[in-house]
Protein backbone atom coordinates (compact mmCIF):
# COMPACT_ATOMS: atom_id res chain seq x y z
CA MET A 1 -0.04 0.03 0.14
CA PRO A 2 1.30 3.45 -0.92
CA LEU A 3 2.59 5.65 1.81
CA ARG A 4 0.50 8.70 2.82
CA LEU A 5 2.52 11.57 1.16
CA SER A 6 2.01 15.30 0.94
CA LEU A 7 2.05 16.90 -2.68
CA GLU A 8 5.65 18.27 -1.67
CA GLN A 9 6.78 14.90 -0.72
CA ALA A 10 5.49 13.29 -3.97
CA THR A 11 7.11 16.01 -6.04
CA ARG A 12 10.51 15.44 -4.29
CA GLY A 13 10.06 11.73 -4.68
CA VAL A 14 9.61 11.89 -8.38
CA GLU A 15 12.69 14.08 -8.83
CA ASP A 16 14.70 11.69 -6.44
CA ASN A 17 13.62 8.68 -8.32
CA PHE A 18 14.58 10.23 -11.61
CA ARG A 19 17.94 11.22 -10.45
CA LYS A 20 18.65 7.66 -9.08
CA ALA A 21 17.66 6.03 -12.33
CA PHE A 22 19.48 8.62 -14.45
CA ALA A 23 22.66 7.87 -12.56
CA GLN A 24 22.63 4.33 -13.93
CA LEU A 25 23.35 5.75 -17.22
CA PRO A 26 26.89 6.91 -18.52
CA ALA A 27 28.39 10.14 -17.26
CA HIS A 28 28.11 11.82 -20.93
CA ALA A 29 24.37 11.38 -20.97
CA ARG A 30 22.35 14.61 -20.44
CA ALA A 31 18.83 15.11 -19.15
CA GLU A 32 16.55 17.72 -20.55
CA LYS A 33 13.35 18.24 -18.40
CA ILE A 34 10.38 18.44 -20.95
CA ALA A 35 7.49 18.50 -18.46
CA GLU A 36 6.69 18.52 -14.81
CA GLY A 37 3.48 19.17 -12.73
CA THR A 38 0.61 17.31 -11.55
CA SER A 39 -2.47 15.71 -13.13
CA PRO A 40 -5.88 15.05 -11.67
CA GLY A 41 -6.59 11.64 -10.03
CA ASP A 42 -9.82 9.75 -10.77
CA GLU A 43 -9.42 6.87 -8.44
CA PRO A 44 -9.99 6.79 -4.62
CA VAL A 45 -7.08 7.96 -2.46
CA GLY A 46 -6.64 6.13 0.88
CA GLY A 47 -9.99 4.42 0.96
CA GLY A 48 -11.68 7.83 0.50
CA PRO A 49 -13.55 9.45 -2.52
CA PRO A 50 -12.16 9.85 -6.02
CA GLY A 51 -9.77 12.75 -6.48
CA GLY A 52 -6.16 13.79 -5.65
CA VAL A 53 -3.38 14.44 -7.87
CA VAL A 54 -0.42 12.65 -9.20
CA ALA A 55 3.01 14.54 -9.41
CA SER A 56 5.18 13.68 -12.49
CA VAL A 57 8.35 14.59 -14.31
CA ASP A 58 9.41 13.86 -17.88
CA TYR A 59 13.01 13.90 -19.18
CA ARG A 60 14.63 13.53 -22.64
CA ILE A 61 17.81 11.86 -22.40
CA HIS A 62 20.56 13.01 -24.77
CA GLY A 63 23.99 11.72 -25.68
CA LEU A 64 23.38 8.10 -26.12
CA SER A 65 23.42 6.19 -29.25
CA PRO A 66 20.06 4.57 -30.27
CA ALA A 67 21.95 1.31 -31.10
CA GLU A 68 22.85 1.08 -27.33
CA TYR A 69 19.30 1.78 -26.08
CA GLY A 70 18.71 -1.95 -25.55
CA HIS A 71 21.89 -2.15 -23.23
CA TRP A 72 20.76 0.75 -21.19
CA PHE A 73 17.30 -0.64 -20.90
CA ASP A 74 18.72 -3.88 -19.58
CA VAL A 75 20.89 -1.72 -17.14
CA LEU A 76 17.80 0.26 -15.97
CA SER A 77 15.63 -2.82 -15.49
CA ALA A 78 18.43 -4.60 -13.42
CA TRP A 79 18.77 -1.44 -11.21
CA TRP A 80 15.07 -1.07 -10.62
CA THR A 81 14.31 -4.79 -9.90
CA GLY A 82 17.43 -4.78 -7.58
CA ASN A 83 16.02 -1.75 -5.70
CA GLY A 84 12.39 -2.70 -4.97
CA PHE A 85 10.70 -1.79 -8.23
CA VAL A 86 8.26 -4.55 -9.86
CA VAL A 87 8.04 -4.58 -13.78
CA LEU A 88 4.48 -3.65 -14.77
CA ALA A 89 5.13 -3.77 -18.56
CA ASP A 90 8.05 -4.65 -20.74
CA ALA A 91 7.76 -4.35 -24.48
CA ARG A 92 11.27 -5.64 -25.14
CA PRO A 93 12.51 -6.98 -27.43
CA ARG A 94 9.80 -5.79 -29.97
CA GLY A 95 9.74 -2.28 -28.49
CA LEU A 96 11.69 -0.12 -26.11
CA TYR A 97 9.26 0.38 -23.37
CA LEU A 98 9.57 -0.53 -19.69
CA TRP A 99 7.34 0.54 -16.87
CA VAL A 100 8.08 -0.32 -13.24
CA GLU A 101 6.45 0.49 -9.71
CA ASP A 102 8.09 0.80 -6.41
CA GLY A 103 5.94 -1.70 -4.53
CA ALA A 104 6.50 -0.10 -1.08
CA ALA A 105 5.56 3.57 -2.02
CA GLY A 106 3.73 3.34 -5.21
CA PHE A 107 6.14 5.49 -7.26
CA ARG A 108 6.29 4.52 -10.91
CA MET A 109 8.91 4.98 -13.60
CA ALA A 110 8.92 4.35 -17.34
CA ALA A 111 11.78 4.30 -19.98
CA GLN A 112 10.83 4.65 -23.67
CA ALA A 113 12.48 5.05 -26.89
CA ASN A 114 10.74 6.15 -30.07
CA ASP A 115 11.36 5.47 -33.80
CA ALA A 116 12.85 9.07 -34.32
CA GLY A 117 15.59 8.12 -31.82
CA GLY A 118 14.24 9.78 -28.81
CA LEU A 119 14.92 8.34 -25.30
CA PHE A 120 12.69 9.30 -22.30
CA LEU A 121 12.62 8.75 -18.65
CA THR A 122 9.34 9.46 -16.73
CA ALA A 123 8.60 9.35 -13.05
CA THR A 124 5.16 9.62 -11.31
CA SER A 125 4.15 9.51 -7.69
CA PRO A 126 1.04 7.80 -6.32
CA ARG A 127 -2.09 9.64 -6.10
CA VAL A 128 -1.97 12.19 -3.17
CA ARG A 129 -4.45 14.70 -1.75
CA PRO A 130 -2.90 18.22 -1.99
CA GLY A 131 -2.19 19.42 1.42
CA SER A 132 -2.12 15.93 2.94
CA GLY A 133 0.77 14.39 4.65
CA PRO A 134 1.88 11.76 7.06
């Protein structure tokens, strides 16, 4: 069950999860933040009524060869599963998409590459109520 987090804690958590995953990539990789914010929730939060928000960040990763993306997906997958994340979806080898969840806290991350050579890392929080906290 996800922890009860404040929106501030959820926002810090998505950035922290991104930084930890990004640290698994080589030092010459560069991250460009392309989106951040919150989106409305439509499922119950903590047994209550529908609502709440999800914090998220999206980064485009530069400096890696598309020919090596498969290797870096393997590296990320091994790191995530070795650090408490559970694989929710893995499109490999047909596609480069990997979606994981931290079973203890409910944070999720995804790695995705597109046909144009773009590589992206996304981190999202569990659904929280703005102003809520532990």
